[in-house]
Amino acid sequence: MSPKIVTVEEAEARLLELIDLAEQGESIIITHEEQPKVKLVPIGQVPPRRVFGQNRGKIRMRPDFDDPLPNDFWLSGAP
């Protein structure tokens, strides 16, 4: 389903109706000067915040991660 696009002026006049539509799962994009500015979504649909450290131990670095790069990397293979 494509989002419903409304101007700021239209959103001001129909705010309660737009809130009801968003609560029913409709995507509402509010534009200003023909540029999308905000998306109206119900609070329950806000993506969860990222949790610091939730992937601890799942990513590993190679032991040579911080070793200097070879000269041919910097010189594009030139002698």
PDB file of N, CA and C in Angstrom:
ATOM      1  N   MET A   1       0.839  -1.164   0.000  1.00  0.00           N
ATOM      2  CA  MET A   1       0.000   0.000   0.000  1.00  0.00           C
ATOM      3  C   MET A   1       0.894   1.240   0.000  1.00  0.00           C
ATOM      4  N   SER A   2       0.622   2.182  -0.882  1.00  0.00           N
ATOM      5  CA  SER A   2       1.443   3.383  -0.959  1.00  0.00           C
ATOM      6  C   SER A   2       1.004   4.371   0.130  1.00  0.00           C
ATOM      7  N   PRO A   3       1.939   5.195   0.602  1.00  0.00           N
ATOM      8  CA  PRO A   3       1.600   6.121   1.683  1.00  0.00           C
ATOM      9  C   PRO A   3       0.668   7.231   1.206  1.00  0.00           C
ATOM     10  N   LYS A   4      -0.130   7.745   2.117  1.00  0.00           N
ATOM     11  CA  LYS A   4      -0.998   8.889   1.846  1.00  0.00           C
ATOM     12  C   LYS A   4      -0.138  10.134   2.049  1.00  0.00           C
ATOM     13  N   ILE A   5      -0.100  11.000   1.058  1.00  0.00           N
ATOM     14  CA  ILE A   5       0.728  12.204   1.123  1.00  0.00           C
ATOM     15  C   ILE A   5      -0.177  13.421   1.251  1.00  0.00           C
ATOM     16  N   VAL A   6       0.063  14.225   2.286  1.00  0.00           N
ATOM     17  CA  VAL A   6      -0.738  15.425   2.523  1.00  0.00           C
ATOM     18  C   VAL A   6       0.195  16.600   2.807  1.00  0.00           C
ATOM     19  N   THR A   7      -0.291  17.807   2.530  1.00  0.00           N
ATOM     20  CA  THR A   7       0.480  19.014   2.831  1.00  0.00           C
ATOM     21  C   THR A   7       0.286  19.378   4.296  1.00  0.00           C
ATOM     22  N   VAL A   8       1.124  20.266   4.788  1.00  0.00           N
ATOM     23  CA  VAL A   8       1.013  20.727   6.172  1.00  0.00           C
ATOM     24  C   VAL A   8      -0.359  21.364   6.396  1.00  0.00           C
ATOM     25  N   GLU A   9      -0.803  22.160   5.435  1.00  0.00           N
ATOM     26  CA  GLU A   9      -2.094  22.834   5.560  1.00  0.00           C
ATOM     27  C   GLU A   9      -3.238  21.820   5.643  1.00  0.00           C
ATOM     28  N   GLU A  10      -3.180  20.796   4.798  1.00  0.00           N
ATOM     29  CA  GLU A  10      -4.197  19.757   4.821  1.00  0.00           C
ATOM     30  C   GLU A  10      -4.143  18.974   6.136  1.00  0.00           C
ATOM     31  N   ALA A  11      -2.932  18.718   6.626  1.00  0.00           N
ATOM     32  CA  ALA A  11      -2.773  17.990   7.888  1.00  0.00           C
ATOM     33  C   ALA A  11      -3.355  18.790   9.052  1.00  0.00           C
ATOM     34  N   GLU A  12      -3.167  20.108   9.031  1.00  0.00           N
ATOM     35  CA  GLU A  12      -3.739  20.947  10.089  1.00  0.00           C
ATOM     36  C   GLU A  12      -5.261  20.853  10.103  1.00  0.00           C
ATOM     37  N   ALA A  13      -5.865  20.838   8.929  1.00  0.00           N
ATOM     38  CA  ALA A  13      -7.322  20.816   8.829  1.00  0.00           C
ATOM     39  C   ALA A  13      -7.906  19.436   9.158  1.00  0.00           C
ATOM     40  N   ARG A  14      -7.126  18.360   8.939  1.00  0.00           N
ATOM     41  CA  ARG A  14      -7.648  16.989   9.072  1.00  0.00           C
ATOM     42  C   ARG A  14      -6.863  16.151  10.069  1.00  0.00           C
ATOM     43  N   LEU A  15      -6.249  16.764  11.066  1.00  0.00           N
ATOM     44  CA  LEU A  15      -5.334  16.046  11.948  1.00  0.00           C
ATOM     45  C   LEU A  15      -5.972  14.835  12.622  1.00  0.00           C
ATOM     46  N   LEU A  16      -7.142  14.986  13.204  1.00  0.00           N
ATOM     47  CA  LEU A  16      -7.770  13.850  13.889  1.00  0.00           C
ATOM     48  C   LEU A  16      -8.058  12.710  12.925  1.00  0.00           C
ATOM     49  N   GLU A  17      -8.506  13.025  11.722  1.00  0.00           N
ATOM     50  CA  GLU A  17      -8.755  11.987  10.714  1.00  0.00           C
ATOM     51  C   GLU A  17      -7.462  11.272  10.338  1.00  0.00           C
ATOM     52  N   LEU A  18      -6.376  12.034  10.176  1.00  0.00           N
ATOM     53  CA  LEU A  18      -5.091  11.440   9.814  1.00  0.00           C
ATOM     54  C   LEU A  18      -4.546  10.560  10.944  1.00  0.00           C
ATOM     55  N   ILE A  19      -4.768  10.972  12.184  1.00  0.00           N
ATOM     56  CA  ILE A  19      -4.343  10.150  13.321  1.00  0.00           C
ATOM     57  C   ILE A  19      -5.095   8.828  13.306  1.00  0.00           C
ATOM     58  N   ASP A  20      -6.395   8.884  13.052  1.00  0.00           N
ATOM     59  CA  ASP A  20      -7.185   7.644  12.969  1.00  0.00           C
ATOM     60  C   ASP A  20      -6.670   6.737  11.861  1.00  0.00           C
ATOM     61  N   LEU A  21      -6.352   7.312  10.701  1.00  0.00           N
ATOM     62  CA  LEU A  21      -5.833   6.507   9.586  1.00  0.00           C
ATOM     63  C   LEU A  21      -4.500   5.860   9.962  1.00  0.00           C
ATOM     64  N   ALA A  22      -3.630   6.622  10.623  1.00  0.00           N
ATOM     65  CA  ALA A  22      -2.327   6.083  11.026  1.00  0.00           C
ATOM     66  C   ALA A  22      -2.507   4.945  12.025  1.00  0.00           C
ATOM     67  N   GLU A  23      -3.455   5.083  12.945  1.00  0.00           N
ATOM     68  CA  GLU A  23      -3.706   4.017  13.923  1.00  0.00           C
ATOM     69  C   GLU A  23      -4.220   2.751  13.256  1.00  0.00           C
ATOM     70  N   GLN A  24      -4.838   2.881  12.085  1.00  0.00           N
ATOM     71  CA  GLN A  24      -5.341   1.724  11.342  1.00  0.00           C
ATOM     72  C   GLN A  24      -4.264   1.114  10.444  1.00  0.00           C
ATOM     73  N   GLY A  25      -3.040   1.676  10.476  1.00  0.00           N
ATOM     74  CA  GLY A  25      -1.933   1.107   9.719  1.00  0.00           C
ATOM     75  C   GLY A  25      -1.580   1.847   8.442  1.00  0.00           C
ATOM     76  N   GLU A  26      -2.270   2.918   8.144  1.00  0.00           N
ATOM     77  CA  GLU A  26      -1.995   3.714   6.935  1.00  0.00           C
ATOM     78  C   GLU A  26      -0.737   4.558   7.163  1.00  0.00           C
ATOM     79  N   SER A  27       0.144   4.627   6.167  1.00  0.00           N
ATOM     80  CA  SER A  27       1.309   5.509   6.239  1.00  0.00           C
ATOM     81  C   SER A  27       0.890   6.901   5.793  1.00  0.00           C
ATOM     82  N   ILE A  28       1.223   7.903   6.600  1.00  0.00           N
ATOM     83  CA  ILE A  28       0.883   9.285   6.292  1.00  0.00           C
ATOM     84  C   ILE A  28       2.178  10.080   6.211  1.00  0.00           C
ATOM     85  N   ILE A  29       2.451  10.673   5.057  1.00  0.00           N
ATOM     86  CA  ILE A  29       3.620  11.534   4.876  1.00  0.00           C
ATOM     87  C   ILE A  29       3.127  12.975   4.784  1.00  0.00           C
ATOM     88  N   ILE A  30       3.696  13.855   5.603  1.00  0.00           N
ATOM     89  CA  ILE A  30       3.313  15.268   5.579  1.00  0.00           C
ATOM     90  C   ILE A  30       4.421  16.038   4.881  1.00  0.00           C
ATOM     91  N   THR A  31       4.022  16.839   3.880  1.00  0.00           N
ATOM     92  CA  THR A  31       4.990  17.586   3.075  1.00  0.00           C
ATOM     93  C   THR A  31       4.877  19.080   3.359  1.00  0.00           C
ATOM     94  N   HIS A  32       5.960  19.774   3.095  1.00  0.00           N
ATOM     95  CA  HIS A  32       5.994  21.241   3.167  1.00  0.00           C
ATOM     96  C   HIS A  32       6.801  21.719   1.972  1.00  0.00           C
ATOM     97  N   GLU A  33       6.210  22.604   1.192  1.00  0.00           N
ATOM     98  CA  GLU A  33       6.833  23.104  -0.037  1.00  0.00           C
ATOM     99  C   GLU A  33       7.263  21.948  -0.939  1.00  0.00           C
ATOM    100  N   GLU A  34       6.364  20.968  -1.065  1.00  0.00           N
ATOM    101  CA  GLU A  34       6.524  19.801  -1.932  1.00  0.00           C
ATOM    102  C   GLU A  34       7.664  18.858  -1.526  1.00  0.00           C
ATOM    103  N   GLN A  35       8.184  19.024  -0.328  1.00  0.00           N
ATOM    104  CA  GLN A  35       9.237  18.149   0.184  1.00  0.00           C
ATOM    105  C   GLN A  35       8.688  17.349   1.362  1.00  0.00           C
ATOM    106  N   PRO A  36       8.876  16.002   1.382  1.00  0.00           N
ATOM    107  CA  PRO A  36       8.418  15.226   2.536  1.00  0.00           C
ATOM    108  C   PRO A  36       9.193  15.643   3.785  1.00  0.00           C
ATOM    109  N   LYS A  37       8.455  15.890   4.861  1.00  0.00           N
ATOM    110  CA  LYS A  37       9.090  16.355   6.098  1.00  0.00           C
ATOM    111  C   LYS A  37       8.941  15.371   7.253  1.00  0.00           C
ATOM    112  N   VAL A  38       7.750  14.792   7.439  1.00  0.00           N
ATOM    113  CA  VAL A  38       7.540  13.879   8.557  1.00  0.00           C
ATOM    114  C   VAL A  38       6.641  12.727   8.143  1.00  0.00           C
ATOM    115  N   LYS A  39       6.738  11.638   8.910  1.00  0.00           N
ATOM    116  CA  LYS A  39       5.869  10.483   8.711  1.00  0.00           C
ATOM    117  C   LYS A  39       5.074  10.309   9.993  1.00  0.00           C
ATOM    118  N   LEU A  40       3.762  10.205   9.851  1.00  0.00           N
ATOM    119  CA  LEU A  40       2.876  10.046  10.990  1.00  0.00           C
ATOM    120  C   LEU A  40       2.645   8.558  11.227  1.00  0.00           C
ATOM    121  N   VAL A  41       3.074   8.079  12.387  1.00  0.00           N
ATOM    122  CA  VAL A  41       2.886   6.667  12.743  1.00  0.00           C
ATOM    123  C   VAL A  41       2.411   6.592  14.189  1.00  0.00           C
ATOM    124  N   PRO A  42       1.597   5.575  14.529  1.00  0.00           N
ATOM    125  CA  PRO A  42       1.194   5.434  15.927  1.00  0.00           C
ATOM    126  C   PRO A  42       2.382   5.027  16.795  1.00  0.00           C
ATOM    127  N   ILE A  43       2.319   5.348  18.061  1.00  0.00           N
ATOM    128  CA  ILE A  43       3.426   5.090  18.978  1.00  0.00           C
ATOM    129  C   ILE A  43       3.815   3.620  18.997  1.00  0.00           C
ATOM    130  N   GLY A  44       2.876   2.706  18.921  1.00  0.00           N
ATOM    131  CA  GLY A  44       3.182   1.281  18.946  1.00  0.00           C
ATOM    132  C   GLY A  44       4.000   0.812  17.764  1.00  0.00           C
ATOM    133  N   GLN A  45       4.067   1.598  16.691  1.00  0.00           N
ATOM    134  CA  GLN A  45       4.806   1.199  15.502  1.00  0.00           C
ATOM    135  C   GLN A  45       6.183   1.835  15.408  1.00  0.00           C
ATOM    136  N   VAL A  46       6.577   2.574  16.426  1.00  0.00           N
ATOM    137  CA  VAL A  46       7.904   3.175  16.425  1.00  0.00           C
ATOM    138  C   VAL A  46       8.912   2.048  16.581  1.00  0.00           C
ATOM    139  N   PRO A  47       9.940   1.995  15.716  1.00  0.00           N
ATOM    140  CA  PRO A  47      10.914   0.905  15.836  1.00  0.00           C
ATOM    141  C   PRO A  47      11.598   0.924  17.199  1.00  0.00           C
ATOM    142  N   PRO A  48      11.910  -0.233  17.738  1.00  0.00           N
ATOM    143  CA  PRO A  48      12.566  -0.281  19.049  1.00  0.00           C
ATOM    144  C   PRO A  48      13.959   0.344  18.996  1.00  0.00           C
ATOM    145  N   ARG A  49      14.377   0.877  20.116  1.00  0.00           N
ATOM    146  CA  ARG A  49      15.714   1.479  20.190  1.00  0.00           C
ATOM    147  C   ARG A  49      16.765   0.388  20.143  1.00  0.00           C
ATOM    148  N   ARG A  50      17.916   0.738  19.634  1.00  0.00           N
ATOM    149  CA  ARG A  50      19.028  -0.213  19.605  1.00  0.00           C
ATOM    150  C   ARG A  50      19.561  -0.426  21.019  1.00  0.00           C
ATOM    151  N   VAL A  51      19.962  -1.634  21.302  1.00  0.00           N
ATOM    152  CA  VAL A  51      20.488  -1.966  22.621  1.00  0.00           C
ATOM    153  C   VAL A  51      22.000  -2.109  22.502  1.00  0.00           C
ATOM    154  N   PHE A  52      22.720  -1.261  23.243  1.00  0.00           N
ATOM    155  CA  PHE A  52      24.178  -1.296  23.201  1.00  0.00           C
ATOM    156  C   PHE A  52      24.678  -2.646  23.691  1.00  0.00           C
ATOM    157  N   GLY A  53      25.541  -3.274  22.918  1.00  0.00           N
ATOM    158  CA  GLY A  53      26.169  -4.522  23.311  1.00  0.00           C
ATOM    159  C   GLY A  53      25.362  -5.775  23.018  1.00  0.00           C
ATOM    160  N   GLN A  54      24.249  -5.660  22.316  1.00  0.00           N
ATOM    161  CA  GLN A  54      23.434  -6.852  22.083  1.00  0.00           C
ATOM    162  C   GLN A  54      24.111  -7.867  21.167  1.00  0.00           C
ATOM    163  N   ASN A  55      25.107  -7.458  20.388  1.00  0.00           N
ATOM    164  CA  ASN A  55      25.824  -8.383  19.507  1.00  0.00           C
ATOM    165  C   ASN A  55      27.232  -8.687  20.012  1.00  0.00           C
ATOM    166  N   ARG A  56      27.470  -8.439  21.291  1.00  0.00           N
ATOM    167  CA  ARG A  56      28.797  -8.674  21.872  1.00  0.00           C
ATOM    168  C   ARG A  56      29.216 -10.124  21.642  1.00  0.00           C
ATOM    169  N   GLY A  57      30.425 -10.302  21.125  1.00  0.00           N
ATOM    170  CA  GLY A  57      30.963 -11.639  20.896  1.00  0.00           C
ATOM    171  C   GLY A  57      30.614 -12.224  19.539  1.00  0.00           C
ATOM    172  N   LYS A  58      29.789 -11.550  18.747  1.00  0.00           N
ATOM    173  CA  LYS A  58      29.383 -12.074  17.450  1.00  0.00           C
ATOM    174  C   LYS A  58      30.243 -11.536  16.305  1.00  0.00           C
ATOM    175  N   ILE A  59      31.013 -10.500  16.561  1.00  0.00           N
ATOM    176  CA  ILE A  59      31.865  -9.899  15.537  1.00  0.00           C
ATOM    177  C   ILE A  59      33.309 -10.031  15.995  1.00  0.00           C
ATOM    178  N   ARG A  60      34.152 -10.479  15.103  1.00  0.00           N
ATOM    179  CA  ARG A  60      35.564 -10.675  15.457  1.00  0.00           C
ATOM    180  C   ARG A  60      36.459  -9.901  14.486  1.00  0.00           C
ATOM    181  N   MET A  61      37.565  -9.371  15.010  1.00  0.00           N
ATOM    182  CA  MET A  61      38.550  -8.692  14.190  1.00  0.00           C
ATOM    183  C   MET A  61      39.741  -9.603  13.970  1.00  0.00           C
ATOM    184  N   ARG A  62      40.278  -9.530  12.767  1.00  0.00           N
ATOM    185  CA  ARG A  62      41.480 -10.310  12.492  1.00  0.00           C
ATOM    186  C   ARG A  62      42.652  -9.756  13.299  1.00  0.00           C
ATOM    187  N   PRO A  63      43.614 -10.599  13.647  1.00  0.00           N
ATOM    188  CA  PRO A  63      44.759 -10.117  14.429  1.00  0.00           C
ATOM    189  C   PRO A  63      45.568  -9.046  13.689  1.00  0.00           C
ATOM    190  N   ASP A  64      45.535  -9.057  12.343  1.00  0.00           N
ATOM    191  CA  ASP A  64      46.315  -8.082  11.572  1.00  0.00           C
ATOM    192  C   ASP A  64      45.491  -6.846  11.202  1.00  0.00           C
ATOM    193  N   PHE A  65      44.397  -6.602  11.896  1.00  0.00           N
ATOM    194  CA  PHE A  65      43.497  -5.495  11.581  1.00  0.00           C
ATOM    195  C   PHE A  65      44.223  -4.157  11.467  1.00  0.00           C
ATOM    196  N   ASP A  66      45.102  -3.854  12.393  1.00  0.00           N
ATOM    197  CA  ASP A  66      45.747  -2.548  12.397  1.00  0.00           C
ATOM    198  C   ASP A  66      47.179  -2.570  11.857  1.00  0.00           C
ATOM    199  N   ASP A  67      47.570  -3.630  11.151  1.00  0.00           N
ATOM    200  CA  ASP A  67      48.886  -3.672  10.511  1.00  0.00           C
ATOM    201  C   ASP A  67      48.927  -2.662   9.358  1.00  0.00           C
ATOM    202  N   PRO A  68      50.095  -2.106   9.068  1.00  0.00           N
ATOM    203  CA  PRO A  68      50.194  -1.172   7.944  1.00  0.00           C
ATOM    204  C   PRO A  68      49.806  -1.856   6.624  1.00  0.00           C
ATOM    205  N   LEU A  69      49.199  -1.096   5.739  1.00  0.00           N
ATOM    206  CA  LEU A  69      48.844  -1.628   4.426  1.00  0.00           C
ATOM    207  C   LEU A  69      50.089  -1.683   3.546  1.00  0.00           C
ATOM    208  N   PRO A  70      50.153  -2.637   2.608  1.00  0.00           N
ATOM    209  CA  PRO A  70      51.321  -2.731   1.741  1.00  0.00           C
ATOM    210  C   PRO A  70      51.418  -1.517   0.815  1.00  0.00           C
ATOM    211  N   ASN A  71      52.664  -1.224   0.367  1.00  0.00           N
ATOM    212  CA  ASN A  71      52.890  -0.065  -0.512  1.00  0.00           C
ATOM    213  C   ASN A  71      52.081  -0.145  -1.792  1.00  0.00           C
ATOM    214  N   ASP A  72      51.899  -1.340  -2.360  1.00  0.00           N
ATOM    215  CA  ASP A  72      51.164  -1.413  -3.625  1.00  0.00           C
ATOM    216  C   ASP A  72      49.689  -1.013  -3.441  1.00  0.00           C
ATOM    217  N   PHE A  73      49.178  -1.060  -2.232  1.00  0.00           N
ATOM    218  CA  PHE A  73      47.824  -0.561  -1.981  1.00  0.00           C
ATOM    219  C   PHE A  73      47.790   0.945  -2.206  1.00  0.00           C
ATOM    220  N   TRP A  74      48.787   1.642  -1.683  1.00  0.00           N
ATOM    221  CA  TRP A  74      48.824   3.113  -1.790  1.00  0.00           C
ATOM    222  C   TRP A  74      49.290   3.575  -3.160  1.00  0.00           C
ATOM    223  N   LEU A  75      50.123   2.797  -3.814  1.00  0.00           N
ATOM    224  CA  LEU A  75      50.694   3.229  -5.093  1.00  0.00           C
ATOM    225  C   LEU A  75      49.983   2.597  -6.280  1.00  0.00           C
ATOM    226  N   SER A  76      48.841   1.993  -6.062  1.00  0.00           N
ATOM    227  CA  SER A  76      48.049   1.365  -7.122  1.00  0.00           C
ATOM    228  C   SER A  76      48.839   0.346  -7.913  1.00  0.00           C
ATOM    229  N   GLY A  77      49.730  -0.382  -7.274  1.00  0.00           N
ATOM    230  CA  GLY A  77      50.502  -1.414  -7.940  1.00  0.00           C
ATOM    231  C   GLY A  77      51.695  -0.892  -8.725  1.00  0.00           C
ATOM    232  N   ALA A  78      51.968   0.419  -8.679  1.00  0.00           N
ATOM    233  CA  ALA A  78      53.113   0.980  -9.393  1.00  0.00           C
ATOM    234  C   ALA A  78      54.402   0.564  -8.689  1.00  0.00           C
ATOM    235  N   PRO A  79      55.464   0.348  -9.430  1.00  0.00           N
ATOM    236  CA  PRO A  79      56.745  -0.053  -8.802  1.00  0.00           C
ATOM    237  C   PRO A  79      57.368   1.035  -7.954  1.00  0.00           C
TER     238      PRO A  79
END
